[in-house]
Amino acid sequence: MNWKLQASMCSLALLIAAPAAFGDAAEVYAKNCASCHGKDGTGSGTMGKKLKVKDYTDAKAQATFTDAEALKVILEGKDKMKGYKDKITAEEAAEQVKYVRAFKK
């Protein structure tokens, strides 16, 4: 099998496995985050554009914050984003950070 076909098959496998790998994190993101940050993390929805949220698929945008900073924002909120410390656990918030990092291309 040539390397291009192998690479394509590997990429497809990762795309299929990604939701399962993140499990609950994907559900939490869809429920709490996607309305502003977009299902795909681009922030291209109406609210995302209005609030000028970061495009999490952009490596440069992801480089502007640390995992610790992202965790703090998820739990405590920032600017117009409310915190979720009363709705999700610290462990779930940490999984959200990993989930957001996975958007990076």
PDB file of N, CA and C in Angstrom:
ATOM      1  N   MET A   1       0.856  -1.176   0.000  1.00  0.00           N
ATOM      2  CA  MET A   1       0.000   0.000   0.000  1.00  0.00           C
ATOM      3  C   MET A   1       0.900   1.237   0.000  1.00  0.00           C
ATOM      4  N   ASN A   2       0.581   2.204  -0.857  1.00  0.00           N
ATOM      5  CA  ASN A   2       1.458   3.378  -0.913  1.00  0.00           C
ATOM      6  C   ASN A   2       1.238   4.279   0.311  1.00  0.00           C
ATOM      7  N   TRP A   3       2.215   5.118   0.571  1.00  0.00           N
ATOM      8  CA  TRP A   3       2.196   5.932   1.788  1.00  0.00           C
ATOM      9  C   TRP A   3       1.060   6.942   1.801  1.00  0.00           C
ATOM     10  N   LYS A   4       0.638   7.454   0.643  1.00  0.00           N
ATOM     11  CA  LYS A   4      -0.458   8.430   0.617  1.00  0.00           C
ATOM     12  C   LYS A   4      -1.771   7.768   1.045  1.00  0.00           C
ATOM     13  N   LEU A   5      -1.983   6.566   0.574  1.00  0.00           N
ATOM     14  CA  LEU A   5      -3.192   5.846   0.947  1.00  0.00           C
ATOM     15  C   LEU A   5      -3.151   5.504   2.438  1.00  0.00           C
ATOM     16  N   GLN A   6      -1.994   5.101   2.936  1.00  0.00           N
ATOM     17  CA  GLN A   6      -1.855   4.794   4.357  1.00  0.00           C
ATOM     18  C   GLN A   6      -2.118   6.031   5.210  1.00  0.00           C
ATOM     19  N   ALA A   7      -1.578   7.160   4.789  1.00  0.00           N
ATOM     20  CA  ALA A   7      -1.781   8.406   5.530  1.00  0.00           C
ATOM     21  C   ALA A   7      -3.254   8.799   5.533  1.00  0.00           C
ATOM     22  N   SER A   8      -3.899   8.638   4.394  1.00  0.00           N
ATOM     23  CA  SER A   8      -5.324   8.962   4.297  1.00  0.00           C
ATOM     24  C   SER A   8      -6.149   8.065   5.200  1.00  0.00           C
ATOM     25  N   MET A   9      -5.829   6.795   5.207  1.00  0.00           N
ATOM     26  CA  MET A   9      -6.569   5.849   6.045  1.00  0.00           C
ATOM     27  C   MET A   9      -6.345   6.145   7.521  1.00  0.00           C
ATOM     28  N   CYS A  10      -5.134   6.505   7.880  1.00  0.00           N
ATOM     29  CA  CYS A  10      -4.827   6.849   9.273  1.00  0.00           C
ATOM     30  C   CYS A  10      -5.592   8.102   9.688  1.00  0.00           C
ATOM     31  N   SER A  11      -5.615   9.115   8.829  1.00  0.00           N
ATOM     32  CA  SER A  11      -6.341  10.349   9.118  1.00  0.00           C
ATOM     33  C   SER A  11      -7.824  10.076   9.303  1.00  0.00           C
ATOM     34  N   LEU A  12      -8.380   9.258   8.439  1.00  0.00           N
ATOM     35  CA  LEU A  12      -9.793   8.907   8.527  1.00  0.00           C
ATOM     36  C   LEU A  12     -10.071   8.177   9.836  1.00  0.00           C
ATOM     37  N   ALA A  13      -9.205   7.268  10.202  1.00  0.00           N
ATOM     38  CA  ALA A  13      -9.380   6.527  11.457  1.00  0.00           C
ATOM     39  C   ALA A  13      -9.369   7.473  12.651  1.00  0.00           C
ATOM     40  N   LEU A  14      -8.472   8.444  12.629  1.00  0.00           N
ATOM     41  CA  LEU A  14      -8.403   9.410  13.730  1.00  0.00           C
ATOM     42  C   LEU A  14      -9.663  10.259  13.797  1.00  0.00           C
ATOM     43  N   LEU A  15     -10.184  10.674  12.649  1.00  0.00           N
ATOM     44  CA  LEU A  15     -11.410  11.471  12.628  1.00  0.00           C
ATOM     45  C   LEU A  15     -12.589  10.688  13.174  1.00  0.00           C
ATOM     46  N   ILE A  16     -12.638   9.426  12.829  1.00  0.00           N
ATOM     47  CA  ILE A  16     -13.732   8.584  13.306  1.00  0.00           C
ATOM     48  C   ILE A  16     -13.588   8.334  14.805  1.00  0.00           C
ATOM     49  N   ALA A  17     -12.359   8.129  15.257  1.00  0.00           N
ATOM     50  CA  ALA A  17     -12.114   7.807  16.662  1.00  0.00           C
ATOM     51  C   ALA A  17     -12.168   9.020  17.573  1.00  0.00           C
ATOM     52  N   ALA A  18     -11.946  10.221  17.045  1.00  0.00           N
ATOM     53  CA  ALA A  18     -11.852  11.411  17.892  1.00  0.00           C
ATOM     54  C   ALA A  18     -13.051  11.609  18.798  1.00  0.00           C
ATOM     55  N   PRO A  19     -14.298  11.556  18.296  1.00  0.00           N
ATOM     56  CA  PRO A  19     -15.419  11.741  19.210  1.00  0.00           C
ATOM     57  C   PRO A  19     -15.444  10.690  20.315  1.00  0.00           C
ATOM     58  N   ALA A  20     -15.127   9.458  19.978  1.00  0.00           N
ATOM     59  CA  ALA A  20     -15.111   8.408  20.989  1.00  0.00           C
ATOM     60  C   ALA A  20     -13.989   8.637  21.988  1.00  0.00           C
ATOM     61  N   ALA A  21     -12.863   9.107  21.523  1.00  0.00           N
ATOM     62  CA  ALA A  21     -11.726   9.339  22.404  1.00  0.00           C
ATOM     63  C   ALA A  21     -12.046  10.427  23.422  1.00  0.00           C
ATOM     64  N   PHE A  22     -12.813  11.414  23.016  1.00  0.00           N
ATOM     65  CA  PHE A  22     -13.137  12.505  23.918  1.00  0.00           C
ATOM     66  C   PHE A  22     -14.448  12.270  24.652  1.00  0.00           C
ATOM     67  N   GLY A  23     -15.284  11.381  24.132  1.00  0.00           N
ATOM     68  CA  GLY A  23     -16.525  10.984  24.796  1.00  0.00           C
ATOM     69  C   GLY A  23     -17.310  12.126  25.378  1.00  0.00           C
ATOM     70  N   ASP A  24     -17.321  12.179  26.711  1.00  0.00           N
ATOM     71  CA  ASP A  24     -18.113  13.184  27.413  1.00  0.00           C
ATOM     72  C   ASP A  24     -17.662  14.605  27.110  1.00  0.00           C
ATOM     73  N   ALA A  25     -16.389  14.802  26.833  1.00  0.00           N
ATOM     74  CA  ALA A  25     -15.893  16.150  26.537  1.00  0.00           C
ATOM     75  C   ALA A  25     -16.589  16.714  25.306  1.00  0.00           C
ATOM     76  N   ALA A  26     -16.806  15.886  24.305  1.00  0.00           N
ATOM     77  CA  ALA A  26     -17.499  16.338  23.100  1.00  0.00           C
ATOM     78  C   ALA A  26     -18.937  16.738  23.423  1.00  0.00           C
ATOM     79  N   GLU A  27     -19.576  15.978  24.290  1.00  0.00           N
ATOM     80  CA  GLU A  27     -20.952  16.294  24.692  1.00  0.00           C
ATOM     81  C   GLU A  27     -21.010  17.593  25.496  1.00  0.00           C
ATOM     82  N   VAL A  28     -20.079  17.751  26.427  1.00  0.00           N
ATOM     83  CA  VAL A  28     -20.038  18.970  27.245  1.00  0.00           C
ATOM     84  C   VAL A  28     -19.783  20.183  26.349  1.00  0.00           C
ATOM     85  N   TYR A  29     -18.847  20.041  25.395  1.00  0.00           N
ATOM     86  CA  TYR A  29     -18.545  21.135  24.467  1.00  0.00           C
ATOM     87  C   TYR A  29     -19.782  21.481  23.647  1.00  0.00           C
ATOM     88  N   ALA A  30     -20.441  20.470  23.093  1.00  0.00           N
ATOM     89  CA  ALA A  30     -21.630  20.709  22.264  1.00  0.00           C
ATOM     90  C   ALA A  30     -22.723  21.424  23.060  1.00  0.00           C
ATOM     91  N   LYS A  31     -22.885  21.038  24.301  1.00  0.00           N
ATOM     92  CA  LYS A  31     -23.939  21.604  25.143  1.00  0.00           C
ATOM     93  C   LYS A  31     -23.623  23.020  25.612  1.00  0.00           C
ATOM     94  N   ASN A  32     -22.370  23.281  25.971  1.00  0.00           N
ATOM     95  CA  ASN A  32     -22.034  24.539  26.636  1.00  0.00           C
ATOM     96  C   ASN A  32     -21.212  25.528  25.819  1.00  0.00           C
ATOM     97  N   CYS A  33     -20.498  25.053  24.820  1.00  0.00           N
ATOM     98  CA  CYS A  33     -19.505  25.901  24.159  1.00  0.00           C
ATOM     99  C   CYS A  33     -19.788  26.186  22.683  1.00  0.00           C
ATOM    100  N   ALA A  34     -20.364  25.207  22.002  1.00  0.00           N
ATOM    101  CA  ALA A  34     -20.497  25.283  20.549  1.00  0.00           C
ATOM    102  C   ALA A  34     -21.338  26.468  20.077  1.00  0.00           C
ATOM    103  N   SER A  35     -22.278  26.926  20.889  1.00  0.00           N
ATOM    104  CA  SER A  35     -23.127  28.030  20.441  1.00  0.00           C
ATOM    105  C   SER A  35     -22.319  29.298  20.174  1.00  0.00           C
ATOM    106  N   CYS A  36     -21.224  29.483  20.858  1.00  0.00           N
ATOM    107  CA  CYS A  36     -20.364  30.646  20.608  1.00  0.00           C
ATOM    108  C   CYS A  36     -19.074  30.274  19.879  1.00  0.00           C
ATOM    109  N   HIS A  37     -18.474  29.167  20.275  1.00  0.00           N
ATOM    110  CA  HIS A  37     -17.176  28.789  19.715  1.00  0.00           C
ATOM    111  C   HIS A  37     -17.291  27.933  18.456  1.00  0.00           C
ATOM    112  N   GLY A  38     -18.512  27.542  18.092  1.00  0.00           N
ATOM    113  CA  GLY A  38     -18.736  26.744  16.893  1.00  0.00           C
ATOM    114  C   GLY A  38     -18.494  25.270  17.130  1.00  0.00           C
ATOM    115  N   LYS A  39     -19.255  24.442  16.437  1.00  0.00           N
ATOM    116  CA  LYS A  39     -19.089  22.993  16.567  1.00  0.00           C
ATOM    117  C   LYS A  39     -17.679  22.569  16.199  1.00  0.00           C
ATOM    118  N   ASP A  40     -17.085  23.298  15.263  1.00  0.00           N
ATOM    119  CA  ASP A  40     -15.751  22.962  14.758  1.00  0.00           C
ATOM    120  C   ASP A  40     -14.645  23.797  15.392  1.00  0.00           C
ATOM    121  N   GLY A  41     -14.995  24.643  16.359  1.00  0.00           N
ATOM    122  CA  GLY A  41     -14.000  25.444  17.060  1.00  0.00           C
ATOM    123  C   GLY A  41     -13.566  26.713  16.348  1.00  0.00           C
ATOM    124  N   THR A  42     -14.170  27.014  15.212  1.00  0.00           N
ATOM    125  CA  THR A  42     -13.754  28.191  14.449  1.00  0.00           C
ATOM    126  C   THR A  42     -14.348  29.495  14.979  1.00  0.00           C
ATOM    127  N   GLY A  43     -15.404  29.395  15.767  1.00  0.00           N
ATOM    128  CA  GLY A  43     -16.052  30.605  16.274  1.00  0.00           C
ATOM    129  C   GLY A  43     -16.778  31.374  15.191  1.00  0.00           C
ATOM    130  N   SER A  44     -17.126  30.683  14.125  1.00  0.00           N
ATOM    131  CA  SER A  44     -17.696  31.368  12.970  1.00  0.00           C
ATOM    132  C   SER A  44     -19.207  31.546  13.023  1.00  0.00           C
ATOM    133  N   GLY A  45     -19.836  31.119  14.109  1.00  0.00           N
ATOM    134  CA  GLY A  45     -21.273  31.326  14.241  1.00  0.00           C
ATOM    135  C   GLY A  45     -21.601  32.775  14.543  1.00  0.00           C
ATOM    136  N   THR A  46     -22.874  33.079  14.585  1.00  0.00           N
ATOM    137  CA  THR A  46     -23.340  34.452  14.806  1.00  0.00           C
ATOM    138  C   THR A  46     -22.784  35.025  16.111  1.00  0.00           C
ATOM    139  N   MET A  47     -22.930  34.282  17.196  1.00  0.00           N
ATOM    140  CA  MET A  47     -22.444  34.785  18.494  1.00  0.00           C
ATOM    141  C   MET A  47     -20.920  34.839  18.518  1.00  0.00           C
ATOM    142  N   GLY A  48     -20.273  33.858  17.935  1.00  0.00           N
ATOM    143  CA  GLY A  48     -18.810  33.844  17.905  1.00  0.00           C
ATOM    144  C   GLY A  48     -18.254  35.057  17.191  1.00  0.00           C
ATOM    145  N   LYS A  49     -18.863  35.393  16.059  1.00  0.00           N
ATOM    146  CA  LYS A  49     -18.419  36.576  15.316  1.00  0.00           C
ATOM    147  C   LYS A  49     -18.681  37.848  16.114  1.00  0.00           C
ATOM    148  N   LYS A  50     -19.862  37.914  16.721  1.00  0.00           N
ATOM    149  CA  LYS A  50     -20.226  39.098  17.500  1.00  0.00           C
ATOM    150  C   LYS A  50     -19.274  39.301  18.678  1.00  0.00           C
ATOM    151  N   LEU A  51     -18.916  38.213  19.329  1.00  0.00           N
ATOM    152  CA  LEU A  51     -18.047  38.287  20.504  1.00  0.00           C
ATOM    153  C   LEU A  51     -16.564  38.218  20.160  1.00  0.00           C
ATOM    154  N   LYS A  52     -16.265  38.007  18.876  1.00  0.00           N
ATOM    155  CA  LYS A  52     -14.884  37.930  18.386  1.00  0.00           C
ATOM    156  C   LYS A  52     -14.080  36.862  19.135  1.00  0.00           C
ATOM    157  N   VAL A  53     -14.682  35.665  19.216  1.00  0.00           N
ATOM    158  CA  VAL A  53     -13.982  34.566  19.878  1.00  0.00           C
ATOM    159  C   VAL A  53     -12.860  34.046  18.990  1.00  0.00           C
ATOM    160  N   LYS A  54     -11.895  33.388  19.618  1.00  0.00           N
ATOM    161  CA  LYS A  54     -10.738  32.864  18.885  1.00  0.00           C
ATOM    162  C   LYS A  54     -11.135  31.682  18.010  1.00  0.00           C
ATOM    163  N   ASP A  55     -10.422  31.536  16.921  1.00  0.00           N
ATOM    164  CA  ASP A  55     -10.555  30.375  16.049  1.00  0.00           C
ATOM    165  C   ASP A  55      -9.604  29.317  16.577  1.00  0.00           C
ATOM    166  N   TYR A  56     -10.141  28.304  17.246  1.00  0.00           N
ATOM    167  CA  TYR A  56      -9.310  27.285  17.874  1.00  0.00           C
ATOM    168  C   TYR A  56      -8.669  26.333  16.875  1.00  0.00           C
ATOM    169  N   THR A  57      -9.002  26.450  15.605  1.00  0.00           N
ATOM    170  CA  THR A  57      -8.316  25.628  14.606  1.00  0.00           C
ATOM    171  C   THR A  57      -6.999  26.272  14.186  1.00  0.00           C
ATOM    172  N   ASP A  58      -6.812  27.531  14.557  1.00  0.00           N
ATOM    173  CA  ASP A  58      -5.618  28.294  14.201  1.00  0.00           C
ATOM    174  C   ASP A  58      -4.541  28.117  15.276  1.00  0.00           C
ATOM    175  N   ALA A  59      -3.415  27.550  14.894  1.00  0.00           N
ATOM    176  CA  ALA A  59      -2.319  27.303  15.838  1.00  0.00           C
ATOM    177  C   ALA A  59      -1.846  28.598  16.500  1.00  0.00           C
ATOM    178  N   LYS A  60      -1.844  29.699  15.757  1.00  0.00           N
ATOM    179  CA  LYS A  60      -1.421  30.977  16.336  1.00  0.00           C
ATOM    180  C   LYS A  60      -2.379  31.430  17.427  1.00  0.00           C
ATOM    181  N   ALA A  61      -3.673  31.252  17.209  1.00  0.00           N
ATOM    182  CA  ALA A  61      -4.665  31.616  18.223  1.00  0.00           C
ATOM    183  C   ALA A  61      -4.503  30.746  19.462  1.00  0.00           C
ATOM    184  N   GLN A  62      -4.229  29.463  19.253  1.00  0.00           N
ATOM    185  CA  GLN A  62      -4.050  28.552  20.387  1.00  0.00           C
ATOM    186  C   GLN A  62      -2.785  28.882  21.179  1.00  0.00           C
ATOM    187  N   ALA A  63      -1.809  29.458  20.522  1.00  0.00           N
ATOM    188  CA  ALA A  63      -0.548  29.792  21.194  1.00  0.00           C
ATOM    189  C   ALA A  63      -0.701  31.002  22.123  1.00  0.00           C
ATOM    190  N   THR A  64      -1.836  31.683  22.064  1.00  0.00           N
ATOM    191  CA  THR A  64      -2.026  32.889  22.876  1.00  0.00           C
ATOM    192  C   THR A  64      -2.480  32.594  24.300  1.00  0.00           C
ATOM    193  N   PHE A  65      -2.708  31.321  24.623  1.00  0.00           N
ATOM    194  CA  PHE A  65      -3.117  30.980  25.979  1.00  0.00           C
ATOM    195  C   PHE A  65      -2.554  29.616  26.384  1.00  0.00           C
ATOM    196  N   THR A  66      -2.279  29.494  27.660  1.00  0.00           N
ATOM    197  CA  THR A  66      -1.777  28.237  28.202  1.00  0.00           C
ATOM    198  C   THR A  66      -2.957  27.349  28.603  1.00  0.00           C
ATOM    199  N   ASP A  67      -2.670  26.097  28.869  1.00  0.00           N
ATOM    200  CA  ASP A  67      -3.712  25.199  29.348  1.00  0.00           C
ATOM    201  C   ASP A  67      -4.274  25.700  30.677  1.00  0.00           C
ATOM    202  N   ALA A  68      -3.410  26.187  31.549  1.00  0.00           N
ATOM    203  CA  ALA A  68      -3.856  26.697  32.847  1.00  0.00           C
ATOM    204  C   ALA A  68      -4.777  27.913  32.678  1.00  0.00           C
ATOM    205  N   GLU A  69      -4.439  28.785  31.750  1.00  0.00           N
ATOM    206  CA  GLU A  69      -5.290  29.961  31.490  1.00  0.00           C
ATOM    207  C   GLU A  69      -6.646  29.521  30.934  1.00  0.00           C
ATOM    208  N   ALA A  70      -6.632  28.555  30.024  1.00  0.00           N
ATOM    209  CA  ALA A  70      -7.892  28.057  29.452  1.00  0.00           C
ATOM    210  C   ALA A  70      -8.750  27.422  30.534  1.00  0.00           C
ATOM    211  N   LEU A  71      -8.141  26.651  31.400  1.00  0.00           N
ATOM    212  CA  LEU A  71      -8.859  26.002  32.490  1.00  0.00           C
ATOM    213  C   LEU A  71      -9.513  27.038  33.398  1.00  0.00           C
ATOM    214  N   LYS A  72      -8.773  28.084  33.717  1.00  0.00           N
ATOM    215  CA  LYS A  72      -9.298  29.145  34.573  1.00  0.00           C
ATOM    216  C   LYS A  72     -10.496  29.840  33.920  1.00  0.00           C
ATOM    217  N   VAL A  73     -10.391  30.118  32.624  1.00  0.00           N
ATOM    218  CA  VAL A  73     -11.492  30.782  31.923  1.00  0.00           C
ATOM    219  C   VAL A  73     -12.717  29.877  31.882  1.00  0.00           C
ATOM    220  N   ILE A  74     -12.517  28.597  31.622  1.00  0.00           N
ATOM    221  CA  ILE A  74     -13.647  27.667  31.580  1.00  0.00           C
ATOM    222  C   ILE A  74     -14.362  27.648  32.927  1.00  0.00           C
ATOM    223  N   LEU A  75     -13.617  27.607  33.995  1.00  0.00           N
ATOM    224  CA  LEU A  75     -14.220  27.511  35.317  1.00  0.00           C
ATOM    225  C   LEU A  75     -14.738  28.840  35.849  1.00  0.00           C
ATOM    226  N   GLU A  76     -13.993  29.915  35.629  1.00  0.00           N
ATOM    227  CA  GLU A  76     -14.341  31.205  36.233  1.00  0.00           C
ATOM    228  C   GLU A  76     -14.984  32.197  35.273  1.00  0.00           C
ATOM    229  N   GLY A  77     -14.811  31.976  33.961  1.00  0.00           N
ATOM    230  CA  GLY A  77     -15.345  32.906  32.981  1.00  0.00           C
ATOM    231  C   GLY A  77     -14.380  34.044  32.693  1.00  0.00           C
ATOM    232  N   LYS A  78     -14.707  34.813  31.673  1.00  0.00           N
ATOM    233  CA  LYS A  78     -13.888  35.967  31.294  1.00  0.00           C
ATOM    234  C   LYS A  78     -14.730  36.843  30.365  1.00  0.00           C
ATOM    235  N   ASP A  79     -14.672  38.126  30.596  1.00  0.00           N
ATOM    236  CA  ASP A  79     -15.455  39.076  29.805  1.00  0.00           C
ATOM    237  C   ASP A  79     -16.918  38.620  29.766  1.00  0.00           C
ATOM    238  N   LYS A  80     -17.464  38.383  28.590  1.00  0.00           N
ATOM    239  CA  LYS A  80     -18.875  38.009  28.484  1.00  0.00           C
ATOM    240  C   LYS A  80     -19.129  36.517  28.677  1.00  0.00           C
ATOM    241  N   MET A  81     -18.050  35.735  28.723  1.00  0.00           N
ATOM    242  CA  MET A  81     -18.222  34.294  28.922  1.00  0.00           C
ATOM    243  C   MET A  81     -18.401  34.010  30.409  1.00  0.00           C
ATOM    244  N   LYS A  82     -19.482  33.314  30.716  1.00  0.00           N
ATOM    245  CA  LYS A  82     -19.711  32.927  32.107  1.00  0.00           C
ATOM    246  C   LYS A  82     -18.856  31.716  32.449  1.00  0.00           C
ATOM    247  N   GLY A  83     -18.565  31.555  33.723  1.00  0.00           N
ATOM    248  CA  GLY A  83     -17.810  30.404  34.188  1.00  0.00           C
ATOM    249  C   GLY A  83     -18.713  29.200  34.355  1.00  0.00           C
ATOM    250  N   TYR A  84     -18.116  28.039  34.337  1.00  0.00           N
ATOM    251  CA  TYR A  84     -18.881  26.799  34.423  1.00  0.00           C
ATOM    252  C   TYR A  84     -18.536  25.984  35.666  1.00  0.00           C
ATOM    253  N   LYS A  85     -17.923  26.599  36.683  1.00  0.00           N
ATOM    254  CA  LYS A  85     -17.505  25.848  37.864  1.00  0.00           C
ATOM    255  C   LYS A  85     -18.679  25.233  38.618  1.00  0.00           C
ATOM    256  N   ASP A  86     -19.870  25.766  38.442  1.00  0.00           N
ATOM    257  CA  ASP A  86     -21.049  25.202  39.096  1.00  0.00           C
ATOM    258  C   ASP A  86     -21.762  24.170  38.230  1.00  0.00           C
ATOM    259  N   LYS A  87     -21.286  23.989  36.985  1.00  0.00           N
ATOM    260  CA  LYS A  87     -21.959  23.065  36.060  1.00  0.00           C
ATOM    261  C   LYS A  87     -21.107  21.868  35.675  1.00  0.00           C
ATOM    262  N   ILE A  88     -19.782  22.027  35.710  1.00  0.00           N
ATOM    263  CA  ILE A  88     -18.896  20.918  35.375  1.00  0.00           C
ATOM    264  C   ILE A  88     -17.797  20.815  36.426  1.00  0.00           C
ATOM    265  N   THR A  89     -17.218  19.636  36.517  1.00  0.00           N
ATOM    266  CA  THR A  89     -16.138  19.430  37.480  1.00  0.00           C
ATOM    267  C   THR A  89     -14.823  19.962  36.921  1.00  0.00           C
ATOM    268  N   ALA A  90     -13.841  20.066  37.786  1.00  0.00           N
ATOM    269  CA  ALA A  90     -12.506  20.494  37.345  1.00  0.00           C
ATOM    270  C   ALA A  90     -11.935  19.491  36.347  1.00  0.00           C
ATOM    271  N   GLU A  91     -12.228  18.212  36.538  1.00  0.00           N
ATOM    272  CA  GLU A  91     -11.753  17.180  35.616  1.00  0.00           C
ATOM    273  C   GLU A  91     -12.400  17.345  34.242  1.00  0.00           C
ATOM    274  N   GLU A  92     -13.700  17.637  34.222  1.00  0.00           N
ATOM    275  CA  GLU A  92     -14.391  17.865  32.950  1.00  0.00           C
ATOM    276  C   GLU A  92     -13.841  19.117  32.265  1.00  0.00           C
ATOM    277  N   ALA A  93     -13.527  20.133  33.043  1.00  0.00           N
ATOM    278  CA  ALA A  93     -12.948  21.352  32.474  1.00  0.00           C
ATOM    279  C   ALA A  93     -11.584  21.060  31.866  1.00  0.00           C
ATOM    280  N   ALA A  94     -10.791  20.238  32.541  1.00  0.00           N
ATOM    281  CA  ALA A  94      -9.481  19.856  32.002  1.00  0.00           C
ATOM    282  C   ALA A  94      -9.639  19.083  30.695  1.00  0.00           C
ATOM    283  N   GLU A  95     -10.670  18.250  30.602  1.00  0.00           N
ATOM    284  CA  GLU A  95     -10.946  17.527  29.361  1.00  0.00           C
ATOM    285  C   GLU A  95     -11.365  18.497  28.253  1.00  0.00           C
ATOM    286  N   GLN A  96     -12.038  19.587  28.622  1.00  0.00           N
ATOM    287  CA  GLN A  96     -12.416  20.601  27.636  1.00  0.00           C
ATOM    288  C   GLN A  96     -11.182  21.269  27.058  1.00  0.00           C
ATOM    289  N   VAL A  97     -10.198  21.511  27.884  1.00  0.00           N
ATOM    290  CA  VAL A  97      -8.948  22.104  27.403  1.00  0.00           C
ATOM    291  C   VAL A  97      -8.320  21.177  26.357  1.00  0.00           C
ATOM    292  N   LYS A  98      -8.260  19.887  26.653  1.00  0.00           N
ATOM    293  CA  LYS A  98      -7.711  18.918  25.703  1.00  0.00           C
ATOM    294  C   LYS A  98      -8.543  18.884  24.423  1.00  0.00           C
ATOM    295  N   TYR A  99      -9.854  18.960  24.576  1.00  0.00           N
ATOM    296  CA  TYR A  99     -10.755  18.931  23.427  1.00  0.00           C
ATOM    297  C   TYR A  99     -10.509  20.142  22.523  1.00  0.00           C
ATOM    298  N   VAL A 100     -10.391  21.314  23.131  1.00  0.00           N
ATOM    299  CA  VAL A 100     -10.127  22.539  22.371  1.00  0.00           C
ATOM    300  C   VAL A 100      -8.758  22.460  21.682  1.00  0.00           C
ATOM    301  N   ARG A 101      -7.782  21.942  22.360  1.00  0.00           N
ATOM    302  CA  ARG A 101      -6.444  21.787  21.764  1.00  0.00           C
ATOM    303  C   ARG A 101      -6.485  20.877  20.541  1.00  0.00           C
ATOM    304  N   ALA A 102      -7.396  19.931  20.529  1.00  0.00           N
ATOM    305  CA  ALA A 102      -7.502  18.994  19.404  1.00  0.00           C
ATOM    306  C   ALA A 102      -8.056  19.662  18.134  1.00  0.00           C
ATOM    307  N   PHE A 103      -8.643  20.840  18.263  1.00  0.00           N
ATOM    308  CA  PHE A 103      -9.130  21.565  17.085  1.00  0.00           C
ATOM    309  C   PHE A 103      -7.990  22.099  16.228  1.00  0.00           C
ATOM    310  N   LYS A 104      -6.839  22.313  16.852  1.00  0.00           N
ATOM    311  CA  LYS A 104      -5.694  22.929  16.169  1.00  0.00           C
ATOM    312  C   LYS A 104      -5.273  22.104  14.961  1.00  0.00           C
ATOM    313  N   LYS A 105      -5.085  22.806  13.859  1.00  0.00           N
ATOM    314  CA  LYS A 105      -4.678  22.138  12.617  1.00  0.00           C
ATOM    315  C   LYS A 105      -3.211  22.359  12.359  1.00  0.00           C
TER     316      LYS A 105
END
